[in-house]
Amino acid sequence: MASVYCCTECGANLDLHTNHLFPLDFYFEAGNKGTLSFAAIDSTKFKFEKEDKIRPFFETLNYWGIQRKRTKIKCNSCGHLVGYIYDDGPPLTDSPGQFHMGPSQVIPRAPRYRFKTKALRITSET
């Protein structure tokens, strides 16, 4: 029994597959609350928009803030925001990391496609 994921605004089938879905208890640095995370998606169903934000956080005189780069995922049919792409997925290499203490931010990571559960209509298909 597979699930069908559709956009809540227009009802378009987003062609997301449950075999690419990360387990709900899988740990991510950016969190996982109120979202479903996929390892792969069909890019023809979505529009991607880069976002680069700098939030002010004045620690010292020369420190401007926290920079956040991410990519918005929008429905190709209606343009509704359904989620974001983060680069905090599983490591792309088998490297044990610096000083053999596990993967760090330096090791390239696979993209994680994080969809808001409020933006998806989930139905079961038999």
Protein backbone atom coordinates (compact mmCIF):
# COMPACT_ATOMS: atom_id res chain seq x y z
CA MET A 1 0.00 0.00 0.00
CA ALA A 2 1.66 3.20 -1.21
CA SER A 3 0.87 6.79 -0.35
CA VAL A 4 0.09 9.48 -2.90
CA TYR A 5 1.37 12.96 -2.11
CA CYS A 6 -0.51 15.91 -3.67
CA CYS A 7 -0.29 19.70 -3.36
CA THR A 8 -2.95 21.09 -0.98
CA GLU A 9 -3.53 24.17 -3.14
CA CYS A 10 -4.12 22.67 -6.60
CA GLY A 11 -4.30 18.92 -5.95
CA ALA A 12 -1.49 18.09 -8.41
CA ASN A 13 0.24 14.74 -7.86
CA LEU A 14 3.82 15.52 -6.76
CA ASP A 15 5.06 12.01 -7.62
CA LEU A 16 6.86 11.49 -4.28
CA HIS A 17 7.73 7.87 -3.52
CA THR A 18 7.68 6.36 -0.04
CA ASN A 19 10.78 4.27 -0.81
CA HIS A 20 12.76 7.58 -0.86
CA LEU A 21 11.23 8.74 2.44
CA PHE A 22 13.59 9.05 5.43
CA PRO A 23 12.36 7.42 8.67
CA LEU A 24 10.52 9.87 10.94
CA ASP A 25 13.05 9.35 13.78
CA PHE A 26 16.09 10.01 11.52
CA TYR A 27 18.25 12.82 12.98
CA PHE A 28 18.93 15.96 10.91
CA GLU A 29 20.83 19.07 11.97
CA ALA A 30 18.08 21.37 10.65
CA GLY A 31 15.38 19.40 12.47
CA ASN A 32 12.44 17.39 11.21
CA LYS A 33 9.38 18.76 13.06
CA GLY A 34 6.19 18.95 11.00
CA THR A 35 7.93 17.76 7.85
CA LEU A 36 8.55 14.71 5.70
CA SER A 37 12.05 14.30 4.26
CA PHE A 38 12.84 12.57 0.98
CA ALA A 39 16.20 11.49 -0.45
CA ALA A 40 15.11 11.95 -4.09
CA ILE A 41 12.27 13.67 -5.96
CA ASP A 42 11.07 14.08 -9.56
CA SER A 43 12.41 17.56 -10.43
CA THR A 44 9.93 18.02 -13.30
CA LYS A 45 7.08 18.40 -10.76
CA PHE A 46 8.70 21.35 -8.96
CA LYS A 47 10.20 24.83 -9.40
CA PHE A 48 13.31 25.65 -7.41
CA GLU A 49 14.14 29.12 -6.06
CA LYS A 50 17.41 29.91 -4.28
CA GLU A 51 17.16 31.81 -1.00
CA ASP A 52 20.06 33.55 0.73
CA LYS A 53 19.26 35.21 4.05
CA ILE A 54 21.49 36.89 6.58
CA ARG A 55 19.98 37.29 10.02
CA PRO A 56 21.51 39.98 12.19
CA PHE A 57 23.40 38.56 15.11
CA PHE A 58 25.95 41.01 16.47
CA GLU A 59 28.52 39.15 18.48
CA THR A 60 31.48 41.42 17.66
CA LEU A 61 32.03 44.52 15.53
CA ASN A 62 33.15 42.53 12.49
CA TYR A 63 30.48 39.83 12.70
CA TRP A 64 27.40 40.52 10.58
CA GLY A 65 25.14 37.62 11.31
CA ILE A 66 24.06 34.11 10.56
CA GLN A 67 23.91 33.25 6.88
CA ARG A 68 21.33 30.72 5.75
CA LYS A 69 21.37 29.34 2.22
CA ARG A 70 18.60 27.05 1.12
CA THR A 71 16.45 26.37 -1.91
CA LYS A 72 12.67 26.71 -1.91
CA ILE A 73 10.62 23.91 -3.48
CA LYS A 74 7.44 25.16 -5.16
CA CYS A 75 4.68 23.24 -6.90
CA ASN A 76 5.14 23.47 -10.67
CA SER A 77 1.37 23.72 -11.27
CA CYS A 78 0.38 26.53 -8.89
CA GLY A 79 3.65 27.93 -7.46
CA HIS A 80 2.68 27.10 -3.84
CA LEU A 81 5.64 26.68 -1.44
CA VAL A 82 5.77 23.03 -0.38
CA GLY A 83 9.23 22.74 1.20
CA TYR A 84 12.97 23.37 1.14
CA ILE A 85 16.18 21.62 0.11
CA TYR A 86 18.81 21.26 2.83
CA ASP A 87 22.32 19.87 2.57
CA ASP A 88 22.26 17.93 5.83
CA GLY A 89 21.45 14.48 4.46
CA PRO A 90 23.68 11.42 4.73
CA PRO A 91 27.40 11.91 3.93
CA LEU A 92 28.36 11.36 0.27
CA THR A 93 31.66 9.70 1.20
CA ASP A 94 32.69 6.85 3.46
CA SER A 95 35.24 9.10 5.18
CA PRO A 96 35.40 8.71 8.96
CA GLY A 97 35.77 12.49 9.29
CA GLN A 98 38.39 14.62 10.92
CA PHE A 99 40.23 12.79 13.73
CA HIS A 100 37.91 9.80 13.08
CA MET A 101 35.11 11.49 15.07
CA GLY A 102 32.34 11.05 12.49
CA PRO A 103 31.19 13.16 9.56
CA SER A 104 31.35 16.93 9.97
CA GLN A 105 30.15 19.95 8.00
CA VAL A 106 33.29 19.72 5.85
CA ILE A 107 32.28 16.38 4.35
CA PRO A 108 29.85 16.88 1.43
CA ARG A 109 26.36 15.68 2.20
CA ALA A 110 23.47 14.52 0.04
CA PRO A 111 20.56 16.92 -0.41
CA ARG A 112 17.47 16.39 1.70
CA TYR A 113 14.12 17.41 0.26
CA ARG A 114 12.06 18.56 3.24
CA PHE A 115 8.33 18.96 2.61
CA LYS A 116 5.94 20.65 5.03
CA THR A 117 3.16 18.27 6.05
CA LYS A 118 0.67 21.17 5.88
CA ALA A 119 1.54 21.65 2.19
CA LEU A 120 0.88 18.00 1.29
CA ARG A 121 -2.36 16.08 0.97
CA ILE A 122 -1.54 12.45 1.68
CA THR A 123 -3.87 9.69 0.52
CA SER A 124 -3.49 5.93 0.45
CA GLU A 125 -3.48 3.94 -2.76
CA THR A 126 -4.34 0.27 -2.72
